[in-house]
């Protein structure tokens, strides 16, 4: 049991942090477009940050739950609703069997992420659960989700420690103009001084040609010395290709493993999630930074992840457990007069506890 897909939305896939170690064979890494939002969703529900999530692009799906579970929705505000009521973003939310999660529009950002406490029951293919749409591997049969699909939960959790603290300030994706920090190279020497100046001083616009493979931008032409073609070499997530037409293309999660166009720069890792949330029409400026600054920013992000992981792994306050245990004792005392056998959920100070009641006894689980 897990979820049933009533409507698949525009492009809804299962992704994790990517499939590494196979680029030499021509297989793309894939994985989530917005690594920050996906990691935060997983941490909120007690998962490892690399656990598989559902990535939603622009128009969200409708999902019917067939089992109780904790979830978190992060990333862009696509109007998440549970049985028609708004779902808070960046917060662990308890969903019951029979409830329906839907999305009503785009109110900031273009991609949302759903994490499920305990993970999704999806097979690992070549070290990852990520969907590679071109290779048709990973995820659910290597394709996007569609009506009629069913996905099970791997180890669903209906109880989480420190639940009252399982919320974060939602990221804001409402900006119409962004600055993306870049490391120059590896082929920045293929451009004239005027070309470099144009790249760093101009404003570019995200075009309609933007998918999981790359983001094409339109703006002032970046001048080459001798054209934009080179001997094919490796490409990384965030590489800024500039073909002979002179406009930049930023490589995204499903980027090809090699390419024959000059790469003027690479967007730093911590800024790629911003681009992942962009819609066509957003204005982009590029800012040159050094490797030390890029590394410092990345280390700060990793420190934040570690701190959040420790915070959300904290055990519940003893007082809460004692109160729940007292409730179990009270139920045990009166079980023959007013209770049926079964498992009962008791909420104490916002935390959910399970009490199993049988003919013999009631015990705190």
Protein backbone atom coordinates (compact mmCIF):
# COMPACT_ATOMS: atom_id res chain seq x y z
CA UNK A 1 0.00 0.00 0.00
CA UNK A 2 1.11 3.54 -0.65
CA UNK A 3 -0.29 5.95 -3.24
CA UNK A 4 -2.44 5.70 -6.34
CA UNK A 5 -1.94 8.21 -9.15
CA UNK A 6 -5.29 9.69 -10.14
CA UNK A 7 -3.73 12.27 -12.46
CA UNK A 8 -0.07 12.39 -13.41
CA UNK A 9 0.23 16.13 -13.95
CA UNK A 10 2.55 17.64 -16.56
CA UNK A 11 5.86 15.94 -15.74
CA UNK A 12 5.94 14.00 -12.48
CA UNK A 13 8.86 11.63 -11.93
CA UNK A 14 10.63 9.74 -9.17
CA UNK A 15 14.12 11.11 -8.52
CA UNK A 16 16.91 10.96 -5.96
CA UNK A 17 20.29 12.71 -6.00
CA UNK A 18 21.38 10.95 -9.18
CA UNK A 19 23.02 7.94 -10.79
CA UNK A 20 26.78 8.34 -10.55
CA UNK A 21 29.58 6.22 -11.95
CA UNK A 22 28.25 5.55 -15.44
CA UNK A 23 28.90 8.74 -17.39
CA UNK A 24 31.78 7.09 -19.23
CA UNK A 25 29.15 4.85 -20.86
CA UNK A 26 27.11 7.85 -21.97
CA UNK A 27 24.45 7.47 -19.25
CA UNK A 28 23.32 10.77 -17.74
CA UNK A 29 23.40 11.27 -13.96
CA UNK A 30 19.77 12.52 -13.88
CA UNK A 31 18.37 13.04 -10.36
CA UNK A 32 16.44 15.97 -8.95
CA UNK A 33 16.72 19.39 -10.57
CA UNK A 34 16.54 21.26 -7.25
CA UNK A 35 18.86 19.38 -4.89
CA UNK A 36 18.23 21.78 -2.00
CA UNK A 37 14.45 21.40 -1.95
CA UNK A 38 14.63 17.62 -2.32
CA UNK A 39 17.15 17.29 0.51
CA UNK A 40 15.09 19.47 2.85
CA UNK A 41 11.92 17.47 2.10
CA UNK A 42 13.69 14.25 3.05
CA UNK A 43 15.23 15.67 6.21
CA UNK A 44 11.84 16.97 7.38
CA UNK A 45 10.42 13.44 7.42
CA UNK A 46 13.49 11.76 8.86
CA UNK A 47 14.90 10.29 5.65
CA UNK A 48 18.43 10.31 4.34
CA UNK A 49 18.76 13.25 1.95
CA UNK A 50 19.36 10.86 -0.97
CA UNK A 51 16.03 9.03 -0.53
CA UNK A 52 13.80 9.01 -3.60
CA UNK A 53 11.19 11.76 -3.83
CA UNK A 54 8.50 12.71 -6.30
CA UNK A 55 9.52 15.67 -8.46
CA UNK A 56 6.65 17.76 -9.84
CA UNK A 57 7.09 20.16 -12.76
CA UNK A 58 4.68 23.10 -13.11
CA UNK A 59 1.32 21.28 -13.14
CA UNK A 60 1.04 18.89 -10.22
CA UNK A 61 -0.51 15.41 -10.02
CA UNK A 62 -3.40 14.11 -7.94
CA UNK A 63 -2.36 11.35 -5.55
CA UNK A 64 -4.65 9.18 -3.42
CA UNK A 65 -3.09 7.70 -0.27
CA UNK A 66 -3.88 4.11 0.64
CA UNK A 67 -1.85 4.11 3.87
CA UNK A 68 -1.09 6.53 6.70
CA UNK A 69 2.27 8.29 6.42
CA UNK A 70 4.19 11.51 7.12
CA UNK A 71 5.10 13.61 4.09
CA UNK A 72 6.76 16.95 3.36
CA UNK A 73 6.24 19.20 0.34
CA UNK A 74 9.05 21.61 -0.54
CA UNK A 75 10.30 23.60 -3.51
CA UNK A 76 8.03 25.80 -5.57
CA UNK A 77 4.56 26.76 -4.38
CA UNK A 78 2.33 24.78 -6.74
CA UNK A 79 -0.74 25.08 -4.54
CA UNK A 80 -0.55 21.75 -2.67
CA UNK A 81 -3.87 20.74 -1.09
CA UNK A 82 -4.92 17.79 1.04
CA UNK A 83 -8.61 17.00 0.54
CA UNK A 84 -9.01 20.53 -0.76
CA UNK A 85 -7.29 22.24 2.18
CA UNK A 86 -3.90 24.00 1.77
CA UNK A 87 -0.85 21.98 2.75
CA UNK A 88 1.95 23.94 4.47
CA UNK A 89 5.21 23.85 2.56
CA UNK A 90 8.47 22.91 4.28
CA UNK A 91 6.70 21.12 7.11
CA UNK A 92 6.09 17.49 8.04
CA UNK A 93 2.38 16.72 7.49
CA UNK A 94 0.53 13.59 8.58
CA UNK A 95 -1.60 12.08 5.80
CA UNK A 96 -4.22 9.40 6.43
CA UNK A 97 -5.37 6.48 4.34
CA UNK A 98 -8.00 7.71 1.86
CA UNK A 99 -6.87 11.32 1.68
CA UNK A 100 -6.01 12.97 -1.65
CA UNK A 101 -3.11 15.32 -2.38
CA UNK A 102 -3.57 17.68 -5.33
CA UNK A 103 -2.03 20.86 -6.74
CA UNK A 104 -3.98 23.91 -7.87
CA UNK A 105 -1.57 26.21 -9.70
CA UNK A 106 1.79 27.98 -9.83
CA UNK A 107 2.35 30.66 -7.20
CA UNK A 108 6.15 30.81 -7.16
CA UNK A 109 8.76 28.47 -8.55
CA UNK A 110 8.24 25.70 -11.08
CA UNK A 111 9.14 22.46 -9.29
CA UNK A 112 7.86 20.92 -6.06
CA UNK A 113 9.09 17.86 -4.18
CA UNK A 114 7.25 15.33 -2.04
CA UNK A 115 9.18 13.18 0.44
CA UNK A 116 7.61 10.20 2.21
CA UNK A 117 8.76 9.09 5.66
CA UNK A 118 10.49 5.75 5.18
CA UNK A 119 10.83 6.16 1.41
CA UNK A 120 9.15 4.78 -1.70
CA UNK A 121 9.24 1.11 -2.66
CA UNK A 122 11.13 1.66 -5.91
CA UNK A 123 13.93 -0.65 -7.10
CA UNK A 124 17.50 0.61 -7.26
CA UNK A 125 18.85 0.50 -10.82
CA UNK A 126 22.59 1.03 -11.22
CA UNK A 127 22.85 2.60 -7.79
CA UNK A 128 19.91 4.99 -8.02
CA UNK A 129 16.12 5.21 -8.07
CA UNK A 130 16.17 8.25 -10.36
CA UNK A 131 14.12 8.23 -13.54
CA UNK A 132 16.16 8.61 -16.72
CA UNK A 133 13.51 9.38 -19.31
CA UNK A 134 15.74 8.96 -22.36
CA UNK A 135 17.29 5.68 -21.26
CA UNK A 136 13.91 4.56 -19.86
CA UNK A 137 15.39 3.23 -16.64
CA UNK A 138 14.86 3.92 -12.95
CA UNK A 139 11.82 5.31 -11.18
CA UNK A 140 8.61 3.67 -12.29
CA UNK A 141 9.40 1.82 -15.51
CA UNK A 142 11.72 4.61 -16.58
CA UNK A 143 8.88 7.03 -17.33
CA UNK A 144 6.82 9.84 -15.86
CA UNK A 145 3.88 8.98 -13.62
CA UNK A 146 0.44 8.64 -15.15
CA UNK A 147 -3.12 7.89 -14.08
CA UNK A 148 -3.56 4.36 -12.76
CA UNK A 149 -0.03 3.96 -11.39
CA UNK A 150 0.44 2.60 -7.87
CA UNK A 151 3.55 3.12 -5.76
CA UNK A 152 4.17 1.39 -2.46
CA UNK A 153 5.90 2.77 0.62
CA UNK A 154 9.16 1.06 1.58
CA UNK A 155 8.96 1.43 5.38
CA UNK A 156 6.16 3.93 6.10
CA UNK A 157 6.43 5.88 9.35
CA UNK A 158 3.38 7.07 11.25
CA UNK A 159 5.45 8.46 14.12
CA UNK A 160 8.34 10.90 14.00
CA UNK A 161 10.47 12.30 16.83
CA UNK A 162 10.43 16.04 17.58
CA UNK A 163 7.41 16.59 15.34
CA UNK A 164 6.61 20.06 16.67
CA UNK A 165 9.98 21.28 15.31
CA UNK A 166 9.64 19.69 11.88
CA UNK A 167 9.13 22.85 9.91
CA UNK A 168 11.40 25.27 8.09
CA UNK A 169 11.01 28.70 6.58
CA UNK A 170 9.87 28.15 2.97
CA UNK A 171 12.28 29.25 0.26
CA UNK A 172 11.06 32.22 -1.79
CA UNK A 173 11.00 31.75 -5.56
CA UNK A 174 9.08 34.90 -6.47
CA UNK A 175 12.03 36.91 -7.85
CA UNK A 176 11.81 37.91 -11.51
CA UNK A 177 15.56 38.48 -11.82
CA UNK A 178 18.34 36.30 -10.42
CA UNK A 179 22.10 36.45 -10.18
CA UNK A 180 23.84 33.13 -10.72
CA UNK A 181 27.42 32.86 -9.49
CA UNK A 182 29.80 31.09 -11.85
CA UNK A 183 33.32 29.73 -12.04
CA UNK A 184 34.90 30.69 -15.34
CA UNK A 185 36.13 27.99 -17.74
CA UNK A 186 37.12 25.51 -18.88
CA UNK A 187 37.04 27.12 -22.35
CA UNK A 188 36.73 30.79 -21.43
CA UNK A 189 39.92 31.36 -23.44
CA UNK A 190 37.88 30.64 -26.58
CA UNK A 191 36.05 33.97 -26.13
CA UNK A 192 37.17 37.52 -26.85
CA UNK A 193 37.55 40.05 -24.05
CA UNK A 194 34.36 41.67 -25.32
CA UNK A 195 32.66 38.27 -25.20
CA UNK A 196 33.64 37.72 -21.57
CA UNK A 197 32.50 41.25 -20.70
CA UNK A 198 29.15 40.67 -22.44
CA UNK A 199 28.60 37.42 -20.55
CA UNK A 200 29.26 38.97 -17.14
CA UNK A 201 27.61 42.37 -17.68
CA UNK A 202 24.45 41.49 -19.64
CA UNK A 203 21.00 40.27 -18.65
CA UNK A 204 19.69 37.08 -20.25
CA UNK A 205 16.16 35.73 -20.32
CA UNK A 206 15.15 32.11 -19.73
CA UNK A 207 13.57 30.93 -22.98
CA UNK A 208 10.74 28.49 -23.60
CA UNK A 209 13.37 25.88 -24.48
CA UNK A 210 13.95 24.77 -20.92
CA UNK A 211 13.69 21.15 -19.82
CA UNK A 212 15.47 18.69 -17.55
CA UNK A 213 18.38 18.53 -20.00
CA UNK A 214 19.22 22.22 -20.33
CA UNK A 215 18.10 25.82 -20.00
CA UNK A 216 18.49 27.98 -23.10
CA UNK A 217 18.73 31.73 -22.58
CA UNK A 218 18.31 34.67 -24.91
CA UNK A 219 20.22 37.94 -24.84
CA UNK A 220 23.28 39.75 -26.17
CA UNK A 221 25.57 37.60 -28.32
CA UNK A 222 28.73 36.37 -26.58
CA UNK A 223 31.61 36.72 -29.02
CA UNK A 224 33.95 33.81 -29.75
CA UNK A 225 37.46 34.07 -31.12
CA UNK A 226 37.04 31.28 -33.65
CA UNK A 227 33.51 29.87 -33.36
CA UNK A 228 31.81 27.74 -30.74
CA UNK A 229 32.80 24.22 -31.80
CA UNK A 230 35.45 22.20 -29.95
CA UNK A 231 36.54 18.58 -29.73
CA UNK A 232 33.89 16.87 -27.62
CA UNK A 233 34.70 16.72 -23.91
CA UNK A 234 32.96 16.12 -20.58
CA UNK A 235 30.04 18.16 -19.26
CA UNK A 236 28.93 18.79 -15.69
CA UNK A 237 25.65 19.89 -14.09
CA UNK A 238 25.65 23.69 -14.40
CA UNK A 239 28.07 23.95 -17.33
CA UNK A 240 27.33 27.05 -19.45
CA UNK A 241 27.69 26.10 -23.09
CA UNK A 242 27.87 28.83 -25.72
CA UNK A 243 27.44 27.49 -29.28
CA UNK A 244 28.30 29.63 -32.31
CA UNK A 245 24.99 31.48 -32.09
CA UNK A 246 26.39 33.19 -28.99
CA UNK A 247 23.64 32.60 -26.41
CA UNK A 248 24.23 30.53 -23.25
CA UNK A 249 22.74 27.12 -22.49
CA UNK A 250 23.06 25.90 -18.89
CA UNK A 251 23.24 22.12 -18.55
CA UNK A 252 20.75 20.68 -16.06
CA UNK A 253 20.13 17.29 -14.37
CA UNK A 254 19.58 15.21 -17.52
CA UNK A 255 22.47 16.80 -19.42
CA UNK A 256 24.43 14.72 -21.91
CA UNK A 257 27.74 13.36 -20.68
CA UNK A 258 29.87 15.03 -23.38
CA UNK A 259 29.45 17.89 -25.82
CA UNK A 260 31.23 19.77 -28.57
CA UNK A 261 30.40 23.38 -27.71
CA UNK A 262 32.60 25.83 -25.82
CA UNK A 263 31.85 26.15 -22.11
CA UNK A 264 32.46 29.66 -20.84
CA UNK A 265 31.69 28.94 -17.18
CA UNK A 266 29.91 26.68 -14.69
CA UNK A 267 27.12 27.75 -12.31
CA UNK A 268 28.20 26.90 -8.75
CA UNK A 269 26.39 24.06 -6.99
CA UNK A 270 24.54 26.15 -4.40
CA UNK A 271 22.98 28.36 -7.10
CA UNK A 272 21.69 25.60 -9.37
CA UNK A 273 18.50 25.12 -7.28
CA UNK A 274 17.59 28.76 -8.02
CA UNK A 275 17.79 28.11 -11.75
CA UNK A 276 15.85 24.85 -11.36
CA UNK A 277 12.90 26.88 -10.04
CA UNK A 278 12.92 29.42 -12.89
CA UNK A 279 10.16 29.83 -15.44
CA UNK A 280 10.54 31.17 -19.00
CA UNK A 281 10.82 34.94 -18.89
CA UNK A 282 12.94 35.12 -15.72
CA UNK A 283 15.93 37.43 -16.17
CA UNK A 284 19.39 36.06 -15.37
CA UNK A 285 22.70 37.75 -14.68
CA UNK A 286 26.00 35.94 -14.20
CA UNK A 287 28.59 36.87 -11.56
CA UNK A 288 32.15 35.58 -11.53
CA UNK A 289 33.42 34.09 -8.25
CA UNK A 290 36.57 32.21 -7.26
CA UNK A 291 36.91 28.54 -6.40
CA UNK A 292 37.47 29.33 -2.71
CA UNK A 293 34.17 31.21 -2.43
CA UNK A 294 32.32 28.44 -4.27
CA UNK A 295 33.78 25.81 -1.96
CA UNK A 296 33.01 27.87 1.15
CA UNK A 297 29.37 28.27 0.11
CA UNK A 298 29.08 24.54 -0.59
CA UNK A 299 30.62 23.67 2.79
CA UNK A 300 28.14 26.00 4.50
CA UNK A 301 25.29 24.12 2.80
CA UNK A 302 26.70 20.76 3.90
CA UNK A 303 27.00 22.08 7.46
CA UNK A 304 23.34 23.15 7.32
CA UNK A 305 22.29 19.69 6.14
CA UNK A 306 24.22 18.01 8.96
CA UNK A 307 22.70 20.33 11.56
CA UNK A 308 19.17 19.74 10.30
CA UNK A 309 19.72 15.99 10.19
CA UNK A 310 20.80 16.00 13.84
CA UNK A 311 17.95 18.31 14.81
CA UNK A 312 15.25 16.16 13.24
CA UNK A 313 16.76 12.97 14.63
CA UNK A 314 16.34 14.24 18.20
CA UNK A 315 14.23 12.05 20.46
CA UNK A 316 10.85 13.18 21.71
CA UNK A 317 10.67 14.91 25.08
CA UNK A 318 10.33 12.38 27.96
CA UNK A 319 7.28 14.23 29.31
CA UNK A 320 5.36 13.45 26.17
CA UNK A 321 6.14 9.75 26.39
CA UNK A 322 5.19 9.67 30.06
CA UNK A 323 1.86 11.33 29.33
CA UNK A 324 1.16 8.87 26.53
CA UNK A 325 2.14 5.97 28.81
CA UNK A 326 -0.26 7.30 31.41
CA UNK A 327 -2.97 7.37 28.76
CA UNK A 328 -2.19 3.73 27.96
CA UNK A 329 -2.52 2.83 31.63
CA UNK A 330 -5.89 4.59 31.80
CA UNK A 331 -7.11 2.73 28.73
CA UNK A 332 -5.90 -0.53 30.23
CA UNK A 333 -7.89 0.14 33.41
CA UNK A 334 -11.11 0.75 31.52
CA UNK A 335 -10.61 -1.34 28.38
CA UNK A 336 -13.34 -3.86 29.16
CA UNK A 337 -15.98 -1.18 29.58
CA UNK A 338 -15.49 1.19 26.67
CA UNK A 339 -12.71 0.20 24.22
CA UNK A 340 -12.40 -2.22 21.32
CA UNK A 341 -9.20 -4.07 20.53
CA UNK A 342 -6.85 -2.41 18.11
CA UNK A 343 -4.15 0.25 17.72
CA UNK A 344 -5.08 3.77 18.85
CA UNK A 345 -3.26 6.99 17.98
CA UNK A 346 -2.92 9.49 20.81
CA UNK A 347 -1.76 13.06 20.19
CA UNK A 348 0.12 14.66 23.09
CA UNK A 349 1.50 18.19 22.66
CA UNK A 350 1.42 17.79 18.91
CA UNK A 351 3.23 14.41 18.92
CA UNK A 352 1.56 11.20 17.79
CA UNK A 353 1.90 8.03 19.90
CA UNK A 354 0.49 4.56 19.24
CA UNK A 355 -1.21 2.46 21.94
CA UNK A 356 -2.00 -1.17 21.22
CA UNK A 357 -5.08 -2.44 23.08
CA UNK A 358 -5.79 -6.17 23.44
CA UNK A 359 -7.90 -8.28 25.78
CA UNK A 360 -4.91 -8.70 28.07
CA UNK A 361 -3.45 -5.23 28.23
CA UNK A 362 -2.88 -1.83 26.69
CA UNK A 363 0.72 -0.93 25.97
CA UNK A 364 2.56 2.13 24.69
CA UNK A 365 4.27 1.44 21.31
